[in-house]
Structures are given as structure tokens and as C-alpha cells.
Amino acid sequence: MKRKMLLTRLFGVLCVFTLLFSGCVSSVNQIVKPSTQGELIITTSAESLPDEEIVRAEIIFSRGKHTFIEYMNVEGINLTANLLVPVGTWDIQIILFDQEGNPIFQDQKEDVTIFPDRATDLKMNLRPANGRVNLVIDLEGHVYQNQIFRVRVHFNDKVYELKRDDIFEPLTSEFSLVPGSYDFKVELFTSSFRATDRVDPGVWKTIDVKPTEELTYVWTPQQEFLKIIADIHLVPEPPINLSAWYDPKNAQVVLQWSPSSTEHIIGYLIYVQEDPFSRSVRLNEEPWQQLTFTHDVSELDALQLTYSVAAVSPIGIVGYRKNTDAIIIE
């Protein structure tokens, strides 16, 4: 009986090892191959009939640093393409070429997602191909030509920034632009694009970009002649023969003087100092055009007054002062 039970247990252990290592239970291994390509259906239409015959199309797929191109022959101006494309998100550009290899029509779509196991439809509206602008910044003769290392270029609302490391490096760039008219300007900067480093704000102009044409545009800073006429104004000399006396009957101080030797004087400013510890106070707001001045001192508590007079030039320069002797108020 014990022998029989031992054999039974031994058989069970052997069966477990057999299941683990020899597959006592039969199974089916299924290999699942994920779909790495999706179907993309592209249909195109042109905005106008071209003068040239379209013979070839390039469909360019871009994602980061990765790019591949599909080539197709074309008849007419309508194209339908059925392509297998790696799944994921792509930027897709289509360009139509004539027999000479010139680009005639094009369109571009960004962030197009290709899904696995189902078709993705994409409608492209072809328009005339881009024109190219070769921009050359010519700084010869500019006052800051050896200090400009940054340039900001505007085409409508799009802004492009150019940089250089030394003054011998040319400031040039190429731009591929949709045909049309553009508001265009160039700003010049020194060591950075900060507003404080901008030395030329630029002047807006209009330029036309034609389909497939290459335009070389030499831009020079707009400079105009400035005629400067300067009048030299010196500080006016003080008046001559300044005198002052006290009229106790009317409680007035009367001042009198001769004109300043400086020409074209528009008047005089009169000052009074009530004591040596106070600043002089101006007695008239506007230049006094006469050569005498009367000061009412009935309200003053001062016992000693000192006056001074200065001439005023046509542009408001106040001249040197001429002082009187101290006036004793009785």
C-alpha cells in the first residue's frame, strides 16, 4: 500500500516537470506583426491652368531630420496618389515640375497623421510655386558699418534674424516665399537684438515676389543729407552802471542801469537778497524790457537789501548778474 502511494506521488512530480520542460499541454504560438505603414490618398487641384506642361510630381515627407520623397509622373493638372507611408505625423509637400525641371505648382501641409490599418485622405490645393529672394545687406558708408552684427528682416508678419561673428562676414540670406506683394523692412542691431542695441529701425517698402523667379535684392540703409544751421549763443554780459537808492517817502527802492554789451537782449531779470543767509529771489517772471525798476519794500522786515540784474538772450539764456551795493532800509 505504501509502495503504491509513493509511486503515485512520484508520477505526479514527473508530470509537473514534464509540463514545465516538455510541454505536456499542447499550445499554439501566434506571431503578431504590427502595422508600420498606413495608406495615404492624396488628391490635388490647381488654382489655375499653367502655361507649361506638368510632367512630374515630387511628394516630400519630412519629420524632424528624416525626409523621403515619392516621385510620380503627371498628366494634366489633377493628380490622385495612393501611397503606403510609415505611420505617424509628417509634414507633406507636393511640387509639380515642367519638362525643364522648373517647379510650377506646390502646396504644403503640416502635422498630417498617418494611421495604421485605414486610409488617410489628404486634399492639396496647388498654387503657383514659391519665388526666391536672395537678400544682400550692403552696409558700406553706414556710420555703424563696423559695429552691426545682427539684422532682423521682416516679410509681412514673419520675422527672420541674421547674425555674423565678424565684420568681414557678409550679411546675406535666401528666402523661399509664396508669390505676392510683401511689406518688407530691415532693422540693424549691434551686439544683440535688444531694443537698446538697435541702430537703424528700417523703413517699410513693398517688394513683389513672382512665381518661380529668383530675385536678388541688395538692401542699403536709407540715409539722407542733414543740413545743420547752428546759432551760437553766449551767456549775456551783465548790464552796465547799475545803481540803486532808497526812497523812504514812498518806501521804494529804485534801480537803474545801462544796457548790456551783448546784442539782441530781450530783457532783464531783477533779484533781491534780504540777508546774507538767504538766497536771492527773482522779482519778475518775464524779462523786464525797461532800464529802470521800482521795488516796493513797505511790506519787508529786512533792514538791508542787495539787488542784482541779469540780461536774458532770445533763447532764454540768463546772463551774468550785476550786483548793487547793500541798500540800508531806514
Protein backbone atom coordinates (compact mmCIF):
# COMPACT_ATOMS: atom_id res chain seq x y z
CA MET A 1 0.00 0.00 0.00
CA LYS A 2 2.79 2.42 0.92
CA ARG A 3 4.65 1.43 -2.26
CA LYS A 4 1.60 2.27 -4.35
CA MET A 5 1.20 5.73 -2.77
CA LEU A 6 4.89 6.51 -3.29
CA LEU A 7 4.66 5.60 -6.98
CA THR A 8 1.58 7.79 -7.32
CA ARG A 9 3.36 10.82 -5.83
CA LEU A 10 6.45 10.21 -7.96
CA PHE A 11 4.30 10.09 -11.07
CA GLY A 12 2.73 13.48 -10.12
CA VAL A 13 6.10 15.14 -9.68
CA LEU A 14 7.34 13.80 -13.00
CA CYS A 15 4.23 15.10 -14.70
CA VAL A 16 4.79 18.62 -13.36
CA PHE A 17 8.38 18.66 -14.64
CA THR A 18 7.15 17.28 -17.93
CA LEU A 19 4.62 20.10 -18.24
CA LEU A 20 7.24 22.70 -17.48
CA PHE A 21 10.02 21.47 -19.74
CA SER A 22 8.48 19.30 -22.42
CA GLY A 23 5.06 20.90 -22.96
CA CYS A 24 2.74 18.14 -21.79
CA VAL A 25 -0.10 20.52 -22.63
CA SER A 26 -0.11 21.44 -26.33
CA SER A 27 -0.17 25.24 -27.26
CA VAL A 28 -0.32 27.38 -30.45
CA ASN A 29 2.32 30.23 -30.81
CA GLN A 30 0.81 33.25 -32.68
CA ILE A 31 3.23 35.86 -34.16
CA VAL A 32 1.61 39.30 -34.35
CA LYS A 33 3.27 41.67 -36.83
CA PRO A 34 2.38 45.33 -36.06
CA SER A 35 1.41 47.52 -38.97
CA THR A 36 4.15 50.07 -39.65
CA GLN A 37 2.63 51.58 -42.76
CA GLY A 38 -0.62 53.33 -43.46
CA GLU A 39 -2.40 54.17 -46.68
CA LEU A 40 -2.38 57.83 -47.75
CA ILE A 41 -4.63 59.05 -50.55
CA ILE A 42 -3.63 62.45 -51.93
CA THR A 43 -5.85 64.38 -54.32
CA THR A 44 -4.78 67.70 -55.81
CA SER A 45 -6.24 70.51 -57.83
CA ALA A 46 -4.52 73.57 -59.26
CA GLU A 47 -5.76 77.12 -58.78
CA SER A 48 -5.19 77.99 -62.44
CA LEU A 49 -4.05 76.42 -65.67
CA PRO A 50 -0.29 76.63 -66.15
CA ASP A 51 1.30 77.79 -69.37
CA GLU A 52 3.84 74.99 -69.12
CA GLU A 53 3.08 71.28 -69.31
CA ILE A 54 3.34 69.47 -65.98
CA VAL A 55 5.25 66.20 -66.31
CA ARG A 56 6.49 65.24 -62.85
CA ALA A 57 5.45 65.46 -59.21
CA GLU A 58 7.53 65.18 -56.07
CA ILE A 59 5.82 64.38 -52.78
CA ILE A 60 8.18 65.20 -49.91
CA PHE A 61 7.63 63.71 -46.45
CA SER A 62 9.50 65.34 -43.56
CA ARG A 63 9.63 64.54 -39.84
CA GLY A 64 12.40 66.13 -37.80
CA LYS A 65 15.67 65.26 -39.55
CA HIS A 66 14.08 62.48 -41.60
CA THR A 67 12.92 63.04 -45.17
CA PHE A 68 11.93 60.84 -48.07
CA ILE A 69 10.50 61.66 -51.50
CA GLU A 70 7.99 59.89 -53.72
CA TYR A 71 8.25 60.61 -57.46
CA MET A 72 5.30 60.39 -59.86
CA ASN A 73 4.58 61.17 -63.48
CA VAL A 74 1.72 63.59 -64.10
CA GLU A 75 -0.73 64.11 -66.92
CA GLY A 76 -2.87 67.24 -66.79
CA ILE A 77 -3.23 69.30 -63.63
CA ASN A 78 -5.19 66.89 -61.43
CA LEU A 79 -3.36 64.21 -59.51
CA THR A 80 -4.50 61.40 -57.25
CA ALA A 81 -1.83 59.38 -55.47
CA ASN A 82 -2.32 56.26 -53.35
CA LEU A 83 0.77 55.70 -51.22
CA LEU A 84 1.98 53.46 -48.42
CA VAL A 85 3.61 55.71 -45.83
CA PRO A 86 5.16 54.92 -42.43
CA VAL A 87 2.59 55.70 -39.75
CA GLY A 88 2.99 58.78 -37.62
CA THR A 89 2.87 62.54 -38.12
CA TRP A 90 4.52 64.10 -41.18
CA ASP A 91 4.91 67.43 -42.92
CA ILE A 92 3.93 66.82 -46.54
CA GLN A 93 4.86 68.99 -49.51
CA ILE A 94 3.95 68.39 -53.13
CA ILE A 95 5.71 70.13 -56.03
CA LEU A 96 4.84 69.88 -59.73
CA PHE A 97 7.61 70.35 -62.31
CA ASP A 98 7.60 71.16 -66.01
CA GLN A 99 9.70 69.48 -68.68
CA GLU A 100 12.67 71.74 -67.87
CA GLY A 101 12.61 70.73 -64.22
CA ASN A 102 11.24 74.05 -63.02
CA PRO A 103 8.79 73.99 -60.10
CA ILE A 104 5.41 75.30 -61.27
CA PHE A 105 2.85 74.46 -58.57
CA GLN A 106 3.15 73.47 -54.94
CA ASP A 107 1.40 73.12 -51.61
CA GLN A 108 2.38 72.06 -48.11
CA LYS A 109 0.51 70.59 -45.16
CA GLU A 110 1.95 70.30 -41.67
CA ASP A 111 1.28 67.73 -38.94
CA VAL A 112 -0.53 65.19 -41.11
CA THR A 113 -1.08 61.98 -39.11
CA ILE A 114 -0.96 58.63 -40.95
CA PHE A 115 -2.93 55.94 -39.09
CA PRO A 116 -2.35 52.18 -39.37
CA ASP A 117 -4.93 49.83 -40.91
CA ARG A 118 -7.03 52.58 -42.51
CA ALA A 119 -6.73 55.08 -45.32
CA THR A 120 -5.98 58.75 -44.68
CA ASP A 121 -7.32 61.26 -47.21
CA LEU A 122 -5.40 64.47 -47.87
CA LYS A 123 -6.60 67.30 -50.11
CA MET A 124 -3.87 69.55 -51.57
CA ASN A 125 -4.69 72.87 -53.26
CA LEU A 126 -1.83 73.64 -55.59
CA ARG A 127 -0.83 77.23 -56.11
CA PRO A 128 1.99 78.80 -58.13
CA ALA A 129 5.38 77.73 -56.83
CA ASN A 130 7.38 79.92 -54.48
CA GLY A 131 9.71 82.64 -55.60
CA ARG A 132 13.16 83.06 -54.12
CA VAL A 133 14.62 86.24 -52.68
CA ASN A 134 18.39 86.45 -52.31
CA LEU A 135 18.92 89.26 -49.81
CA VAL A 136 22.25 91.08 -49.58
CA ILE A 137 22.75 93.64 -46.80
CA ASP A 138 25.14 96.35 -48.04
CA LEU A 139 26.40 98.50 -45.14
CA GLU A 140 29.14 100.39 -46.96
CA GLY A 141 29.15 104.02 -45.91
CA HIS A 142 26.89 103.49 -42.90
CA VAL A 143 28.10 105.23 -39.76
CA TYR A 144 27.87 101.93 -37.83
CA GLN A 145 29.01 99.58 -40.60
CA ASN A 146 31.76 98.02 -38.42
CA GLN A 147 29.51 97.57 -35.40
CA ILE A 148 26.50 95.79 -36.92
CA PHE A 149 26.40 92.06 -36.14
CA ARG A 150 22.64 91.43 -36.01
CA VAL A 151 19.94 92.02 -38.64
CA ARG A 152 16.19 91.48 -38.38
CA VAL A 153 14.30 91.01 -41.68
CA HIS A 154 10.51 91.46 -41.95
CA PHE A 155 8.28 89.98 -44.66
CA ASN A 156 4.75 90.98 -43.60
CA ASP A 157 4.29 89.39 -40.16
CA LYS A 158 7.16 86.92 -40.48
CA VAL A 159 10.46 87.92 -38.91
CA TYR A 160 13.87 86.38 -39.70
CA GLU A 161 17.09 87.05 -37.79
CA LEU A 162 20.58 87.08 -39.29
CA LYS A 163 23.83 87.01 -37.32
CA ARG A 164 27.52 87.30 -38.01
CA ASP A 165 30.63 86.97 -35.84
CA ASP A 166 32.97 89.45 -37.52
CA ILE A 167 32.70 92.46 -39.81
CA PHE A 168 34.21 90.60 -42.77
CA GLU A 169 31.40 88.03 -42.85
CA PRO A 170 28.72 89.03 -45.38
CA LEU A 171 25.15 89.51 -44.23
CA THR A 172 23.18 87.50 -46.78
CA SER A 173 20.29 85.05 -46.75
CA GLU A 174 17.86 83.25 -49.06
CA PHE A 175 14.09 83.22 -48.60
CA SER A 176 11.54 81.00 -50.33
CA LEU A 177 8.27 82.94 -50.36
CA VAL A 178 4.74 82.45 -51.61
CA PRO A 179 4.17 84.70 -54.65
CA GLY A 180 2.66 88.08 -53.89
CA SER A 181 3.44 91.55 -52.59
CA TYR A 182 5.18 91.89 -49.24
CA ASP A 183 5.69 94.69 -46.74
CA PHE A 184 9.42 94.49 -46.21
CA LYS A 185 11.95 96.17 -43.92
CA VAL A 186 15.34 95.54 -42.34
CA GLU A 187 16.42 96.52 -38.82
CA LEU A 188 20.09 96.83 -37.83
CA PHE A 189 21.50 95.93 -34.42
CA THR A 190 24.94 95.87 -32.82
CA SER A 191 25.77 93.06 -30.37
CA SER A 192 22.25 91.81 -29.59
CA PHE A 193 18.60 92.10 -30.62
CA ARG A 194 17.75 94.23 -27.59
CA ALA A 195 15.96 97.48 -28.34
CA THR A 196 18.86 99.43 -26.85
CA ASP A 197 21.22 97.89 -29.44
CA ARG A 198 19.08 98.85 -32.45
CA VAL A 199 20.85 101.48 -34.55
CA ASP A 200 18.52 101.55 -37.56
CA PRO A 201 14.75 100.86 -37.27
CA GLY A 202 14.39 100.42 -41.03
CA VAL A 203 11.87 101.85 -43.47
CA TRP A 204 8.94 99.80 -44.77
CA LYS A 205 8.90 99.12 -48.51
CA THR A 206 6.84 96.91 -50.79
CA ILE A 207 8.50 94.20 -52.87
CA ASP A 208 6.89 91.74 -55.29
CA VAL A 209 7.77 88.05 -55.32
CA LYS A 210 6.92 86.34 -58.62
CA PRO A 211 6.28 82.58 -59.02
CA THR A 212 9.45 80.55 -59.65
CA GLU A 213 11.51 83.72 -60.10
CA GLU A 214 14.77 84.36 -58.28
CA LEU A 215 15.18 87.94 -57.09
CA THR A 216 18.47 89.32 -55.82
CA TYR A 217 17.72 92.29 -53.58
CA VAL A 218 20.60 94.46 -52.40
CA TRP A 219 19.41 96.39 -49.36
CA THR A 220 21.20 99.53 -48.24
CA PRO A 221 20.29 101.63 -45.20
CA GLN A 222 18.34 104.71 -46.16
CA GLN A 223 20.39 107.82 -45.43
CA GLU A 224 19.65 111.43 -46.27
CA PHE A 225 21.70 114.61 -46.08
CA LEU A 226 21.08 116.65 -42.96
CA LYS A 227 21.78 120.37 -43.18
CA ILE A 228 22.64 121.83 -39.80
CA ILE A 229 22.45 125.58 -39.17
CA ALA A 230 23.68 126.48 -35.70
CA ASP A 231 23.42 129.82 -33.94
CA ILE A 232 26.00 130.24 -31.23
CA HIS A 233 24.58 131.93 -28.13
CA LEU A 234 26.92 133.16 -25.44
CA VAL A 235 25.99 133.93 -21.86
CA PRO A 236 24.95 137.61 -21.92
CA GLU A 237 27.13 140.14 -20.18
CA PRO A 238 25.57 141.96 -17.20
CA PRO A 239 24.09 145.46 -17.53
CA ILE A 240 26.38 148.47 -17.10
CA ASN A 241 26.28 151.21 -14.50
CA LEU A 242 23.79 149.54 -12.19
CA SER A 243 22.73 151.77 -9.34
CA ALA A 244 20.06 151.65 -6.64
CA TRP A 245 18.76 154.08 -3.99
CA TYR A 246 16.11 154.01 -1.30
CA ASP A 247 13.13 156.39 -1.37
CA PRO A 248 11.95 156.45 2.27
CA LYS A 249 8.96 158.67 1.48
CA ASN A 250 7.39 156.04 -0.80
CA ALA A 251 9.12 153.03 0.81
CA GLN A 252 10.62 152.05 -2.55
CA VAL A 253 13.98 151.05 -3.91
CA VAL A 254 14.66 152.40 -7.41
CA LEU A 255 17.12 150.59 -9.68
CA GLN A 256 18.62 151.98 -12.87
CA TRP A 257 21.20 150.62 -15.34
CA SER A 258 22.62 150.89 -18.83
CA PRO A 259 22.15 148.14 -21.46
CA SER A 260 24.28 145.01 -21.54
CA SER A 261 27.08 144.98 -24.09
CA THR A 262 25.65 141.75 -25.52
CA GLU A 263 23.49 142.26 -28.62
CA HIS A 264 19.89 141.11 -29.09
CA ILE A 265 18.89 141.16 -25.43
CA ILE A 266 15.15 140.68 -24.86
CA GLY A 267 15.07 141.98 -21.28
CA TYR A 268 16.40 141.72 -17.75
CA LEU A 269 15.72 139.72 -14.60
CA ILE A 270 15.90 141.50 -11.25
CA TYR A 271 16.80 139.75 -7.98
CA VAL A 272 16.83 140.80 -4.33
CA GLN A 273 18.63 139.27 -1.35
CA GLU A 274 17.12 140.21 2.03
CA ASP A 275 20.02 138.98 4.16
CA PRO A 276 23.34 137.20 3.65
CA PHE A 277 21.89 133.91 4.89
CA SER A 278 19.12 133.70 2.25
CA ARG A 279 19.22 133.11 -1.49
CA SER A 280 18.33 135.84 -3.91
CA VAL A 281 14.70 135.93 -5.02
CA ARG A 282 13.63 136.89 -8.52
CA LEU A 283 11.23 139.83 -8.61
CA ASN A 284 9.84 139.49 -12.17
CA GLU A 285 8.57 136.42 -14.03
CA GLU A 286 9.05 137.75 -17.56
CA PRO A 287 12.13 139.63 -18.84
CA TRP A 288 11.89 143.33 -17.92
CA GLN A 289 12.40 145.43 -21.03
CA GLN A 290 12.99 148.83 -19.41
CA LEU A 291 16.22 150.11 -17.85
CA THR A 292 14.65 151.12 -14.54
CA PHE A 293 12.80 149.07 -11.92
CA THR A 294 10.96 150.10 -8.74
CA HIS A 295 10.64 147.70 -5.82
CA ASP A 296 8.04 148.30 -3.09
CA VAL A 297 9.66 147.40 0.25
CA SER A 298 6.89 148.61 2.56
CA GLU A 299 5.96 145.04 3.50
CA LEU A 300 9.51 143.86 4.12
CA ASP A 301 11.06 143.48 7.54
CA ALA A 302 14.58 143.49 6.17
CA LEU A 303 16.93 146.30 7.16
CA GLN A 304 19.47 145.69 4.38
CA LEU A 305 18.81 144.67 0.76
CA THR A 306 21.15 143.73 -2.04
CA TYR A 307 19.94 143.74 -5.66
CA SER A 308 21.29 142.13 -8.83
CA VAL A 309 20.28 142.35 -12.50
CA ALA A 310 20.96 139.89 -15.38
CA ALA A 311 20.28 140.17 -19.12
CA VAL A 312 18.31 137.49 -20.99
CA SER A 313 19.10 136.25 -24.54
CA PRO A 314 16.45 135.49 -27.23
CA ILE A 315 16.60 131.75 -26.47
CA GLY A 316 16.24 132.28 -22.74
CA ILE A 317 19.84 132.15 -21.58
CA VAL A 318 20.14 134.14 -18.35
CA GLY A 319 23.34 136.14 -18.26
CA TYR A 320 25.80 137.05 -15.58
CA ARG A 321 24.44 139.16 -12.75
CA LYS A 322 25.50 142.67 -11.77
CA ASN A 323 25.14 143.36 -8.02
CA THR A 324 24.38 146.62 -6.25
CA ASP A 325 25.85 147.73 -3.01
CA ALA A 326 23.79 146.97 0.05
CA ILE A 327 20.79 149.27 0.49
CA ILE A 328 20.02 150.31 4.06
CA ILE A 329 16.29 150.47 4.82
CA GLU A 330 15.57 153.10 7.50
